[in-house]
Each structure stands twice: as structure tokens, then as C-alpha cells.
Amino acid sequence: MSDQPRFLALSLGAGVQSSTLLALSAEGIIPRVDYAIFADTGWEPEAVYAHLDRLEEEIAAPAGIPVLRVSAGNIRDDALNPDHRFASMPLHILNQDGRPGMTRRQCTGEYKVKPIKQKVRELLGYPYPARIPKGVFVEQWVGISTDEFHRAKDADVKYMRNRHPLLDMSWSRADCARYLTSLGLADTPKSSCLGCPFHGNAQWRHIRDTSPSEWADVVEFDAAIRQGNARANATGNRLLGEAFLHRSRVPLSEAPIDHVTAAERAALRISADEADVLENGVEDGCSPWACRGDADALTQDDFGLAT
């Protein structure tokens, strides 16, 4: 039994850290990966798709690294389709008694992890549900920097072994940003869905102020999911409350995304740390193996990622 991986794969989210790993690999600073796999939720910001195209054309292709785009569907369309099973987004809930809540985050498992696993199995020659022999595995690189080392996790299947080269190199996010800037990639976007409920006010403002069409899209979606996802409603599992994209739990078109004063923070009874999250969003993006959602969503079994 060999302890050598069949190949090296990069989990490419097209954010700062994973873009850094791709470029380092392409330049030969670290070993060349055999594949870079991008899991497309179908609702990424236009800036992410444009950046991914640049990475593929200017970084990966000249180095002979294939960028494989995989998908489990369109998360926006699925949320609004009453006939489609939907893995829930982490929506902010205002319960009937006025208390705040949040739905489970299953979307990363369904739209990021699952299609990557399927592609890895295919590349190994053991498509699901074929049994993968003991000792057959791939080494998967995940972009986790030193300032978020606590997010580093192992894969939940034996045929994938995660490695975090940025931790090995002691690189922080700032180191990654400087390196990308030196390559002309200073505008590398944060990788997350266009309408991710973990956005902070800065991200919502950026969408509103730079892309009117995308802003109209998220405002429309926010209104459409007020009563929860369409599939749950169609099957009689109605939400006992209202759902929102913005953490203030008001319609996105009315949300206070421009400024939060100290007086407003006091009125909302939020701490300075909470105010930072409100402004800048949750730092964890949507890295498949660094999800801040429920661990159970990633460890049920090989493909039963959501019920």
C-alpha cells in the first residue's frame, strides 16, 4: 500500500488565499498541483468569475495546470424552486415572538464540498458509489493562512487528505495580498455567493455602489425568501417567522448598510467585535473545508450532506 497521493489538487475558491496557492504553484515556488478545482454555486459575483478567468488564462494555463469548474446547480434558482430539494442557506430569522434566529448552513456542503468530491472520485477512477480501495487518496491543498489557522480541518473522507501550505510557510492573509499585488492581482475579490447572509455592510455597499444589476438581484432575492425557501413551503414545512439576508433582519433595500454609529451600536446592544462583523462580514468565506457552519453538515457520510 502506497502512502503517496495519486495527485495533488487545489481547492480553488478564487479568493485571496487559494489564488495565492495557485500562483505559488504555477511559479514553482511550491510543487505544481495537478488540478485546481473550482466549485461554482451558480451565484458567484461577476468579479469572482472575472478573476477566475484571469487566473485560468494568465496563471494556470501557462503552467499547465487545468482549472476544473464543477457545480451542483444554481443555489439562487434552487432556493426559489418549489420542486427542487434545497440545502439551506444561513438566513437571518426574525421569529414570531420577535427573537432573532438563524437557519442552518448546509449550502457549503451541498454546493462546494459535494461537487468537489464527485470530481475527485472521477479523477481517481472510482466515481460514486464505487468503493475506493484502502490507501488510494489525493492530497488536497486548502488556502488557510496563519491569521485563521483555527479554520484548518481535515477532509471527512479517507480518499482526500487536506494540506495547508500557507500554514507551512507561515503566511498571513496580508502576505498573500502583497504577493498577489506583485503579480498585478491586487483586486482579488472575496469568494462567496453574491447574496451570502454573512456579508458585512462594506460588502453590501460595494455591491450596491459598483454593480446596480447585482444589487437589484440580491434585493429581489431577499424579498423572495421572506417566508423561507420555496421547497419547504411547498411541502408544508413553513417558516415560523421571516427570513432576511441582512443581519439587521429588515429588508435589504431598507437595511442600515451605510453607517453604524456608536449610539446605534448601543441601541442594538452589540459589542465592538460584533460591530466589526456587521461592517466587514464574517471573515471565513466559503472554503469547503473551513466552513463555520454546523459540523454535522460535513460529516454525515460521503454524499448525504443535507436532508
C-alpha atoms as a PDB file:
ATOM      1  CA  MET A   1       0.000   0.000   0.000  1.00  0.00           C
ATOM      2  CA  SER A   2       1.496   3.317  -1.083  1.00  0.00           C
ATOM      3  CA  ASP A   3       1.388   6.361   1.161  1.00  0.00           C
ATOM      4  CA  GLN A   4       1.812   8.644  -1.835  1.00  0.00           C
ATOM      5  CA  PRO A   5      -1.163  10.609  -3.179  1.00  0.00           C
ATOM      6  CA  ARG A   6      -2.416   9.787  -6.658  1.00  0.00           C
ATOM      7  CA  PHE A   7      -2.339  13.504  -7.457  1.00  0.00           C
ATOM      8  CA  LEU A   8      -2.297  16.982  -5.920  1.00  0.00           C
ATOM      9  CA  ALA A   9      -5.491  19.026  -6.128  1.00  0.00           C
ATOM     10  CA  LEU A  10      -6.106  22.618  -5.115  1.00  0.00           C
ATOM     11  CA  SER A  11      -9.494  23.591  -3.717  1.00  0.00           C
ATOM     12  CA  LEU A  12      -9.770  26.857  -5.646  1.00  0.00           C
ATOM     13  CA  GLY A  13     -12.333  29.285  -4.270  1.00  0.00           C
ATOM     14  CA  ALA A  14     -10.770  32.170  -6.246  1.00  0.00           C
ATOM     15  CA  GLY A  15     -10.374  34.239  -3.096  1.00  0.00           C
ATOM     16  CA  VAL A  16      -7.117  35.654  -1.750  1.00  0.00           C
ATOM     17  CA  GLN A  17      -5.616  32.552  -0.150  1.00  0.00           C
ATOM     18  CA  SER A  18      -6.481  29.953  -2.782  1.00  0.00           C
ATOM     19  CA  SER A  19      -5.456  32.344  -5.580  1.00  0.00           C
ATOM     20  CA  THR A  20      -2.118  32.710  -3.805  1.00  0.00           C
ATOM     21  CA  LEU A  21      -1.620  28.944  -3.693  1.00  0.00           C
ATOM     22  CA  LEU A  22      -2.391  28.630  -7.393  1.00  0.00           C
ATOM     23  CA  ALA A  23       0.112  31.349  -8.283  1.00  0.00           C
ATOM     24  CA  LEU A  24       2.815  29.965  -5.987  1.00  0.00           C
ATOM     25  CA  SER A  25       2.343  26.553  -7.568  1.00  0.00           C
ATOM     26  CA  ALA A  26       2.381  27.945 -11.101  1.00  0.00           C
ATOM     27  CA  GLU A  27       5.612  29.848 -10.393  1.00  0.00           C
ATOM     28  CA  GLY A  28       7.283  26.749  -8.989  1.00  0.00           C
ATOM     29  CA  ILE A  29       7.719  28.205  -5.524  1.00  0.00           C
ATOM     30  CA  ILE A  30       5.772  25.236  -4.186  1.00  0.00           C
ATOM     31  CA  PRO A  31       5.092  21.956  -6.030  1.00  0.00           C
ATOM     32  CA  ARG A  32       2.852  22.104  -9.080  1.00  0.00           C
ATOM     33  CA  VAL A  33      -0.675  20.896  -8.428  1.00  0.00           C
ATOM     34  CA  ASP A  34      -2.204  18.531 -10.954  1.00  0.00           C
ATOM     35  CA  TYR A  35      -5.647  20.137 -10.819  1.00  0.00           C
ATOM     36  CA  ALA A  36      -7.291  23.262  -9.440  1.00  0.00           C
ATOM     37  CA  ILE A  37     -10.970  22.607  -8.748  1.00  0.00           C
ATOM     38  CA  PHE A  38     -13.470  25.465  -8.530  1.00  0.00           C
ATOM     39  CA  ALA A  39     -16.937  24.636  -7.185  1.00  0.00           C
ATOM     40  CA  ASP A  40     -19.397  27.050  -8.793  1.00  0.00           C
ATOM     41  CA  THR A  41     -22.570  27.753  -6.815  1.00  0.00           C
ATOM     42  CA  GLY A  42     -24.070  29.415  -9.879  1.00  0.00           C
ATOM     43  CA  TRP A  43     -24.447  32.678  -7.956  1.00  0.00           C
ATOM     44  CA  GLU A  44     -20.919  33.999  -7.563  1.00  0.00           C
ATOM     45  CA  PRO A  45     -20.309  37.738  -8.011  1.00  0.00           C
ATOM     46  CA  GLU A  46     -19.332  38.843 -11.505  1.00  0.00           C
ATOM     47  CA  ALA A  47     -15.972  39.914 -10.049  1.00  0.00           C
ATOM     48  CA  VAL A  48     -15.248  36.342  -8.924  1.00  0.00           C
ATOM     49  CA  TYR A  49     -15.980  34.904 -12.369  1.00  0.00           C
ATOM     50  CA  ALA A  50     -13.812  37.584 -13.991  1.00  0.00           C
ATOM     51  CA  HIS A  51     -10.982  36.898 -11.548  1.00  0.00           C
ATOM     52  CA  LEU A  52     -11.282  33.147 -12.118  1.00  0.00           C
ATOM     53  CA  ASP A  53     -10.976  33.699 -15.866  1.00  0.00           C
ATOM     54  CA  ARG A  54      -7.794  35.728 -15.282  1.00  0.00           C
ATOM     55  CA  LEU A  55      -6.345  33.055 -13.022  1.00  0.00           C
ATOM     56  CA  GLU A  56      -7.016  30.392 -15.612  1.00  0.00           C
ATOM     57  CA  GLU A  57      -5.685  32.358 -18.582  1.00  0.00           C
ATOM     58  CA  GLU A  58      -2.728  34.185 -17.010  1.00  0.00           C
ATOM     59  CA  ILE A  59      -1.593  31.889 -14.183  1.00  0.00           C
ATOM     60  CA  ALA A  60      -2.814  28.314 -14.542  1.00  0.00           C
ATOM     61  CA  ALA A  61      -2.781  27.686 -18.302  1.00  0.00           C
ATOM     62  CA  PRO A  62       0.824  28.849 -18.901  1.00  0.00           C
ATOM     63  CA  ALA A  63       1.921  26.486 -16.104  1.00  0.00           C
ATOM     64  CA  GLY A  64      -0.098  23.583 -17.489  1.00  0.00           C
ATOM     65  CA  ILE A  65      -2.471  23.442 -14.514  1.00  0.00           C
ATOM     66  CA  PRO A  66      -6.047  22.522 -15.520  1.00  0.00           C
ATOM     67  CA  VAL A  67      -8.766  24.555 -13.810  1.00  0.00           C
ATOM     68  CA  LEU A  68     -11.803  22.312 -13.455  1.00  0.00           C
ATOM     69  CA  ARG A  69     -15.149  24.012 -12.858  1.00  0.00           C
ATOM     70  CA  VAL A  70     -17.719  21.799 -11.150  1.00  0.00           C
ATOM     71  CA  SER A  71     -21.251  22.529  -9.997  1.00  0.00           C
ATOM     72  CA  ALA A  72     -24.173  21.025  -8.116  1.00  0.00           C
ATOM     73  CA  GLY A  73     -26.604  23.573  -9.559  1.00  0.00           C
ATOM     74  CA  ASN A  74     -27.591  27.200  -9.079  1.00  0.00           C
ATOM     75  CA  ILE A  75     -28.145  27.991  -5.415  1.00  0.00           C
ATOM     76  CA  ARG A  76     -30.308  31.042  -6.153  1.00  0.00           C
ATOM     77  CA  ASP A  77     -32.602  29.216  -8.541  1.00  0.00           C
ATOM     78  CA  ASP A  78     -32.826  26.189  -6.257  1.00  0.00           C
ATOM     79  CA  ALA A  79     -33.901  28.309  -3.278  1.00  0.00           C
ATOM     80  CA  LEU A  80     -36.838  29.685  -5.256  1.00  0.00           C
ATOM     81  CA  ASN A  81     -37.857  26.431  -6.957  1.00  0.00           C
ATOM     82  CA  PRO A  82     -40.638  24.597  -5.061  1.00  0.00           C
ATOM     83  CA  ASP A  83     -39.860  21.383  -6.950  1.00  0.00           C
ATOM     84  CA  HIS A  84     -36.156  21.291  -6.067  1.00  0.00           C
ATOM     85  CA  ARG A  85     -34.650  19.896  -2.880  1.00  0.00           C
ATOM     86  CA  PHE A  86     -32.697  22.732  -1.298  1.00  0.00           C
ATOM     87  CA  ALA A  87     -29.750  22.742   1.113  1.00  0.00           C
ATOM     88  CA  SER A  88     -30.469  25.721   3.310  1.00  0.00           C
ATOM     89  CA  MET A  89     -28.576  28.994   3.348  1.00  0.00           C
ATOM     90  CA  PRO A  90     -27.810  30.564   6.768  1.00  0.00           C
ATOM     91  CA  LEU A  91     -30.636  33.097   6.636  1.00  0.00           C
ATOM     92  CA  HIS A  92     -31.231  35.565   9.458  1.00  0.00           C
ATOM     93  CA  ILE A  93     -34.608  34.848  11.056  1.00  0.00           C
ATOM     94  CA  LEU A  94     -36.999  37.059  12.984  1.00  0.00           C
ATOM     95  CA  ASN A  95     -39.167  34.630  14.914  1.00  0.00           C
ATOM     96  CA  GLN A  96     -42.839  35.214  15.602  1.00  0.00           C
ATOM     97  CA  ASP A  97     -42.050  36.159  19.201  1.00  0.00           C
ATOM     98  CA  GLY A  98     -39.578  38.788  17.999  1.00  0.00           C
ATOM     99  CA  ARG A  99     -36.450  36.851  18.901  1.00  0.00           C
ATOM    100  CA  PRO A 100     -33.629  36.532  16.349  1.00  0.00           C
ATOM    101  CA  GLY A 101     -32.511  33.214  14.927  1.00  0.00           C
ATOM    102  CA  MET A 102     -30.678  31.679  12.001  1.00  0.00           C
ATOM    103  CA  THR A 103     -31.276  28.742   9.709  1.00  0.00           C
ATOM    104  CA  ARG A 104     -28.668  26.000   9.388  1.00  0.00           C
ATOM    105  CA  ARG A 105     -25.868  26.428   6.894  1.00  0.00           C
ATOM    106  CA  GLN A 106     -25.962  23.439   4.569  1.00  0.00           C
ATOM    107  CA  CYS A 107     -25.127  25.239   1.334  1.00  0.00           C
ATOM    108  CA  THR A 108     -21.344  24.868   1.576  1.00  0.00           C
ATOM    109  CA  GLY A 109     -21.638  21.105   1.878  1.00  0.00           C
ATOM    110  CA  GLU A 110     -24.088  20.792  -0.983  1.00  0.00           C
ATOM    111  CA  TYR A 111     -22.734  23.341  -3.454  1.00  0.00           C
ATOM    112  CA  LYS A 112     -18.998  23.327  -2.626  1.00  0.00           C
ATOM    113  CA  VAL A 113     -17.929  20.067  -0.960  1.00  0.00           C
ATOM    114  CA  LYS A 114     -20.171  17.631  -2.802  1.00  0.00           C
ATOM    115  CA  PRO A 115     -19.207  18.533  -6.398  1.00  0.00           C
ATOM    116  CA  ILE A 116     -15.501  18.595  -5.494  1.00  0.00           C
ATOM    117  CA  LYS A 117     -15.785  15.101  -4.028  1.00  0.00           C
ATOM    118  CA  GLN A 118     -17.574  13.898  -7.135  1.00  0.00           C
ATOM    119  CA  LYS A 119     -14.839  15.287  -9.386  1.00  0.00           C
ATOM    120  CA  VAL A 120     -12.040  13.833  -7.239  1.00  0.00           C
ATOM    121  CA  ARG A 121     -13.687  10.408  -7.350  1.00  0.00           C
ATOM    122  CA  GLU A 122     -14.000  10.698 -11.121  1.00  0.00           C
ATOM    123  CA  LEU A 123     -10.329  11.664 -11.480  1.00  0.00           C
ATOM    124  CA  LEU A 124      -9.306   8.753  -9.256  1.00  0.00           C
ATOM    125  CA  GLY A 125     -11.297   6.382 -11.454  1.00  0.00           C
ATOM    126  CA  TYR A 126     -13.832   5.482  -8.771  1.00  0.00           C
ATOM    127  CA  PRO A 127     -16.991   7.501  -9.444  1.00  0.00           C
ATOM    128  CA  TYR A 128     -19.649   7.391  -6.739  1.00  0.00           C
ATOM    129  CA  PRO A 129     -20.838   4.905  -5.471  1.00  0.00           C
ATOM    130  CA  ALA A 130     -17.807   2.753  -6.353  1.00  0.00           C
ATOM    131  CA  ARG A 131     -15.701   1.706  -3.394  1.00  0.00           C
ATOM    132  CA  ILE A 132     -12.296   3.362  -3.265  1.00  0.00           C
ATOM    133  CA  PRO A 133      -9.558   0.894  -2.271  1.00  0.00           C
ATOM    134  CA  LYS A 134      -7.768   1.403   1.012  1.00  0.00           C
ATOM    135  CA  GLY A 135      -4.709   3.598   0.637  1.00  0.00           C
ATOM    136  CA  VAL A 136      -5.907   5.375  -2.508  1.00  0.00           C
ATOM    137  CA  PHE A 137      -6.089   9.095  -1.834  1.00  0.00           C
ATOM    138  CA  VAL A 138      -5.378  12.558  -3.162  1.00  0.00           C
ATOM    139  CA  GLU A 139      -3.639  15.410  -1.402  1.00  0.00           C
ATOM    140  CA  GLN A 140      -5.867  18.460  -1.441  1.00  0.00           C
ATOM    141  CA  TRP A 141      -4.484  21.911  -0.809  1.00  0.00           C
ATOM    142  CA  VAL A 142      -6.702  24.343   1.078  1.00  0.00           C
ATOM    143  CA  GLY A 143      -5.993  28.067   1.372  1.00  0.00           C
ATOM    144  CA  ILE A 144      -5.848  28.760   5.099  1.00  0.00           C
ATOM    145  CA  SER A 145      -3.467  31.477   6.313  1.00  0.00           C
ATOM    146  CA  THR A 146      -1.918  31.924   9.754  1.00  0.00           C
ATOM    147  CA  ASP A 147      -4.452  34.503  10.922  1.00  0.00           C
ATOM    148  CA  GLU A 148      -7.211  31.918  10.543  1.00  0.00           C
ATOM    149  CA  PHE A 149      -5.348  28.719  11.427  1.00  0.00           C
ATOM    150  CA  HIS A 150      -8.264  27.663  13.625  1.00  0.00           C
ATOM    151  CA  ARG A 151     -10.271  27.043  10.457  1.00  0.00           C
ATOM    152  CA  ALA A 152      -7.950  24.312   9.214  1.00  0.00           C
ATOM    153  CA  LYS A 153      -9.758  20.984   9.103  1.00  0.00           C
ATOM    154  CA  ASP A 154      -9.194  17.511   7.805  1.00  0.00           C
ATOM    155  CA  ALA A 155     -11.339  16.176   4.992  1.00  0.00           C
ATOM    156  CA  ASP A 156     -14.184  13.961   6.150  1.00  0.00           C
ATOM    157  CA  VAL A 157     -13.365  11.103   3.748  1.00  0.00           C
ATOM    158  CA  LYS A 158     -10.286   8.873   3.645  1.00  0.00           C
ATOM    159  CA  TYR A 159      -9.628   9.362  -0.067  1.00  0.00           C
ATOM    160  CA  MET A 160      -8.851  13.053   0.457  1.00  0.00           C
ATOM    161  CA  ARG A 161      -6.122  14.367   2.749  1.00  0.00           C
ATOM    162  CA  ASN A 162      -6.054  18.089   3.330  1.00  0.00           C
ATOM    163  CA  ARG A 163      -2.866  20.086   3.482  1.00  0.00           C
ATOM    164  CA  HIS A 164      -2.480  23.780   4.253  1.00  0.00           C
ATOM    165  CA  PRO A 165       0.700  25.062   2.548  1.00  0.00           C
ATOM    166  CA  LEU A 166       0.216  28.656   3.698  1.00  0.00           C
ATOM    167  CA  LEU A 167       0.423  27.477   7.302  1.00  0.00           C
ATOM    168  CA  ASP A 168       3.583  25.535   6.449  1.00  0.00           C
ATOM    169  CA  MET A 169       5.031  28.770   5.015  1.00  0.00           C
ATOM    170  CA  SER A 170       3.773  30.908   7.942  1.00  0.00           C
ATOM    171  CA  TRP A 171       1.985  33.215   5.502  1.00  0.00           C
ATOM    172  CA  SER A 172      -0.775  35.528   6.704  1.00  0.00           C
ATOM    173  CA  ARG A 173      -3.573  36.973   4.612  1.00  0.00           C
ATOM    174  CA  ALA A 174      -1.527  40.178   4.378  1.00  0.00           C
ATOM    175  CA  ASP A 175       1.412  38.199   2.975  1.00  0.00           C
ATOM    176  CA  CYS A 176      -0.923  36.704   0.387  1.00  0.00           C
ATOM    177  CA  ALA A 177      -2.306  40.119  -0.539  1.00  0.00           C
ATOM    178  CA  ARG A 178       1.201  41.543  -1.017  1.00  0.00           C
ATOM    179  CA  TYR A 179       2.185  38.614  -3.196  1.00  0.00           C
ATOM    180  CA  LEU A 180      -0.927  38.900  -5.363  1.00  0.00           C
ATOM    181  CA  THR A 181      -0.363  42.643  -5.693  1.00  0.00           C
ATOM    182  CA  SER A 182       3.140  41.934  -7.015  1.00  0.00           C
ATOM    183  CA  LEU A 183       1.508  39.822  -9.735  1.00  0.00           C
ATOM    184  CA  GLY A 184      -0.995  42.509 -10.693  1.00  0.00           C
ATOM    185  CA  LEU A 185      -3.835  40.784  -8.838  1.00  0.00           C
ATOM    186  CA  ALA A 186      -4.450  43.365  -6.126  1.00  0.00           C
ATOM    187  CA  ASP A 187      -8.175  43.347  -6.873  1.00  0.00           C
ATOM    188  CA  THR A 188      -8.667  39.685  -5.927  1.00  0.00           C
ATOM    189  CA  PRO A 189     -12.245  39.525  -4.563  1.00  0.00           C
ATOM    190  CA  LYS A 190     -13.572  37.746  -1.512  1.00  0.00           C
ATOM    191  CA  SER A 191     -15.047  34.437  -2.574  1.00  0.00           C
ATOM    192  CA  SER A 192     -18.658  33.962  -1.506  1.00  0.00           C
ATOM    193  CA  CYS A 193     -22.088  33.887  -3.074  1.00  0.00           C
ATOM    194  CA  LEU A 194     -23.467  37.199  -4.278  1.00  0.00           C
ATOM    195  CA  GLY A 195     -26.264  37.065  -1.711  1.00  0.00           C
ATOM    196  CA  CYS A 196     -24.384  35.434   1.165  1.00  0.00           C
ATOM    197  CA  PRO A 197     -26.061  36.277   4.508  1.00  0.00           C
ATOM    198  CA  PHE A 198     -22.601  36.518   6.091  1.00  0.00           C
ATOM    199  CA  HIS A 199     -21.783  39.662   4.092  1.00  0.00           C
ATOM    200  CA  GLY A 200     -20.968  42.729   6.144  1.00  0.00           C
ATOM    201  CA  ASN A 201     -22.166  46.240   5.386  1.00  0.00           C
ATOM    202  CA  ALA A 202     -18.996  47.012   3.428  1.00  0.00           C
ATOM    203  CA  GLN A 203     -19.741  44.145   1.056  1.00  0.00           C
ATOM    204  CA  TRP A 204     -23.388  45.110   0.658  1.00  0.00           C
ATOM    205  CA  ARG A 205     -22.370  48.711  -0.063  1.00  0.00           C
ATOM    206  CA  HIS A 206     -19.802  47.559  -2.602  1.00  0.00           C
ATOM    207  CA  ILE A 207     -22.454  45.600  -4.491  1.00  0.00           C
ATOM    208  CA  ARG A 208     -24.925  48.492  -4.357  1.00  0.00           C
ATOM    209  CA  ASP A 209     -22.407  51.148  -5.383  1.00  0.00           C
ATOM    210  CA  THR A 210     -20.492  49.265  -8.085  1.00  0.00           C
ATOM    211  CA  SER A 211     -22.985  46.874  -9.668  1.00  0.00           C
ATOM    212  CA  PRO A 212     -26.593  48.087  -9.848  1.00  0.00           C
ATOM    213  CA  SER A 213     -27.734  44.929 -11.634  1.00  0.00           C
ATOM    214  CA  GLU A 214     -26.293  42.669  -8.935  1.00  0.00           C
ATOM    215  CA  TRP A 215     -27.766  44.897  -6.219  1.00  0.00           C
ATOM    216  CA  ALA A 216     -31.195  44.611  -7.831  1.00  0.00           C
ATOM    217  CA  ASP A 217     -30.689  40.846  -7.953  1.00  0.00           C
ATOM    218  CA  VAL A 218     -29.939  40.464  -4.231  1.00  0.00           C
ATOM    219  CA  VAL A 219     -32.738  42.849  -3.218  1.00  0.00           C
ATOM    220  CA  GLU A 220     -35.172  40.812  -5.300  1.00  0.00           C
ATOM    221  CA  PHE A 221     -33.916  37.547  -3.815  1.00  0.00           C
ATOM    222  CA  ASP A 222     -34.116  38.912  -0.274  1.00  0.00           C
ATOM    223  CA  ALA A 223     -37.780  39.758  -0.777  1.00  0.00           C
ATOM    224  CA  ALA A 224     -38.484  36.382  -2.375  1.00  0.00           C
ATOM    225  CA  ILE A 225     -37.168  34.347   0.583  1.00  0.00           C
ATOM    226  CA  ARG A 226     -39.048  36.262   3.279  1.00  0.00           C
ATOM    227  CA  GLN A 227     -41.153  33.184   4.090  1.00  0.00           C
ATOM    228  CA  GLY A 228     -38.254  30.749   3.733  1.00  0.00           C
ATOM    229  CA  ASN A 229     -37.212  28.547   0.833  1.00  0.00           C
ATOM    230  CA  ALA A 230     -39.828  27.549  -1.711  1.00  0.00           C
ATOM    231  CA  ARG A 231     -39.390  23.783  -1.324  1.00  0.00           C
ATOM    232  CA  ALA A 232     -40.048  23.864   2.416  1.00  0.00           C
ATOM    233  CA  ASN A 233     -43.168  25.950   1.890  1.00  0.00           C
ATOM    234  CA  ALA A 234     -44.409  23.625  -0.852  1.00  0.00           C
ATOM    235  CA  THR A 235     -44.047  20.583   1.425  1.00  0.00           C
ATOM    236  CA  GLY A 236     -45.817  22.203   4.363  1.00  0.00           C
ATOM    237  CA  ASN A 237     -42.697  22.993   6.414  1.00  0.00           C
ATOM    238  CA  ARG A 238     -43.361  26.686   6.614  1.00  0.00           C
ATOM    239  CA  LEU A 239     -41.025  29.043   8.401  1.00  0.00           C
ATOM    240  CA  LEU A 240     -42.437  30.306  11.703  1.00  0.00           C
ATOM    241  CA  GLY A 241     -41.150  33.814  11.245  1.00  0.00           C
ATOM    242  CA  GLU A 242     -39.482  35.820   8.498  1.00  0.00           C
ATOM    243  CA  ALA A 243     -36.131  35.331   6.740  1.00  0.00           C
ATOM    244  CA  PHE A 244     -33.670  38.037   5.683  1.00  0.00           C
ATOM    245  CA  LEU A 245     -30.264  38.299   4.027  1.00  0.00           C
ATOM    246  CA  HIS A 246     -29.102  41.174   6.248  1.00  0.00           C
ATOM    247  CA  ARG A 247     -28.294  40.562   9.899  1.00  0.00           C
ATOM    248  CA  SER A 248     -30.427  43.557  10.957  1.00  0.00           C
ATOM    249  CA  ARG A 249     -33.428  41.442   9.931  1.00  0.00           C
ATOM    250  CA  VAL A 250     -35.068  44.119   7.842  1.00  0.00           C
ATOM    251  CA  PRO A 251     -35.491  44.091   4.037  1.00  0.00           C
ATOM    252  CA  LEU A 252     -32.138  44.523   2.325  1.00  0.00           C
ATOM    253  CA  SER A 253     -33.415  47.572   0.452  1.00  0.00           C
ATOM    254  CA  GLU A 254     -34.023  49.238   3.841  1.00  0.00           C
ATOM    255  CA  ALA A 255     -31.100  47.806   5.815  1.00  0.00           C
ATOM    256  CA  PRO A 256     -28.706  50.272   7.533  1.00  0.00           C
ATOM    257  CA  ILE A 257     -25.708  49.395   5.394  1.00  0.00           C
ATOM    258  CA  ASP A 258     -24.197  52.881   5.170  1.00  0.00           C
ATOM    259  CA  HIS A 259     -23.143  53.585   8.718  1.00  0.00           C
ATOM    260  CA  VAL A 260     -23.498  52.294  12.254  1.00  0.00           C
ATOM    261  CA  THR A 261     -22.744  54.940  14.871  1.00  0.00           C
ATOM    262  CA  ALA A 262     -21.694  54.280  18.462  1.00  0.00           C
ATOM    263  CA  ALA A 263     -25.179  55.313  19.573  1.00  0.00           C
ATOM    264  CA  GLU A 264     -26.726  52.869  17.145  1.00  0.00           C
ATOM    265  CA  ARG A 265     -24.415  50.114  18.388  1.00  0.00           C
ATOM    266  CA  ALA A 266     -25.510  50.872  21.934  1.00  0.00           C
ATOM    267  CA  ALA A 267     -29.154  50.783  20.897  1.00  0.00           C
ATOM    268  CA  LEU A 268     -28.563  47.442  19.223  1.00  0.00           C
ATOM    269  CA  ARG A 269     -26.535  46.306  22.260  1.00  0.00           C
ATOM    270  CA  ILE A 270     -23.678  44.992  20.163  1.00  0.00           C
ATOM    271  CA  SER A 271     -20.004  44.916  21.086  1.00  0.00           C
ATOM    272  CA  ALA A 272     -17.105  46.355  19.117  1.00  0.00           C
ATOM    273  CA  ASP A 273     -16.328  42.869  17.788  1.00  0.00           C
ATOM    274  CA  GLU A 274     -19.929  42.408  16.705  1.00  0.00           C
ATOM    275  CA  ALA A 275     -19.833  45.827  15.072  1.00  0.00           C
ATOM    276  CA  ASP A 276     -16.764  44.711  13.110  1.00  0.00           C
ATOM    277  CA  VAL A 277     -18.654  41.672  11.823  1.00  0.00           C
ATOM    278  CA  LEU A 278     -21.605  43.896  10.946  1.00  0.00           C
ATOM    279  CA  GLU A 279     -19.313  46.124   8.875  1.00  0.00           C
ATOM    280  CA  ASN A 280     -16.866  43.639   7.378  1.00  0.00           C
ATOM    281  CA  GLY A 281     -18.777  40.384   7.425  1.00  0.00           C
ATOM    282  CA  VAL A 282     -17.648  37.008   8.669  1.00  0.00           C
ATOM    283  CA  GLU A 283     -14.005  36.510   7.741  1.00  0.00           C
ATOM    284  CA  ASP A 284     -14.418  32.830   6.926  1.00  0.00           C
ATOM    285  CA  GLY A 285     -15.615  32.888   3.268  1.00  0.00           C
ATOM    286  CA  CYS A 286     -16.921  29.677   1.831  1.00  0.00           C
ATOM    287  CA  SER A 287     -13.875  27.449   1.827  1.00  0.00           C
ATOM    288  CA  PRO A 288     -15.327  23.927   1.641  1.00  0.00           C
ATOM    289  CA  TRP A 289     -13.113  22.508   4.393  1.00  0.00           C
ATOM    290  CA  ALA A 290     -13.166  25.582   6.597  1.00  0.00           C
ATOM    291  CA  CYS A 291     -16.898  26.104   6.926  1.00  0.00           C
ATOM    292  CA  ARG A 292     -18.144  27.913  10.026  1.00  0.00           C
ATOM    293  CA  GLY A 293     -21.495  26.138   9.783  1.00  0.00           C
ATOM    294  CA  ASP A 294     -22.674  23.018  11.557  1.00  0.00           C
ATOM    295  CA  ALA A 295     -20.015  20.318  11.521  1.00  0.00           C
ATOM    296  CA  ASP A 296     -22.721  17.697  11.043  1.00  0.00           C
ATOM    297  CA  ALA A 297     -23.388  19.072   7.588  1.00  0.00           C
ATOM    298  CA  LEU A 298     -19.930  17.926   6.525  1.00  0.00           C
ATOM    299  CA  THR A 299     -19.639  14.584   8.298  1.00  0.00           C
ATOM    300  CA  GLN A 300     -22.865  12.679   7.778  1.00  0.00           C
ATOM    301  CA  ASP A 301     -21.492  10.455   5.023  1.00  0.00           C
ATOM    302  CA  ASP A 302     -19.947  10.656   1.593  1.00  0.00           C
ATOM    303  CA  PHE A 303     -22.809  12.361  -0.198  1.00  0.00           C
ATOM    304  CA  GLY A 304     -25.656  12.651   2.298  1.00  0.00           C
ATOM    305  CA  LEU A 305     -24.731  16.214   3.045  1.00  0.00           C
ATOM    306  CA  ALA A 306     -28.200  17.557   3.675  1.00  0.00           C
ATOM    307  CA  THR A 307     -31.566  16.061   4.421  1.00  0.00           C
END
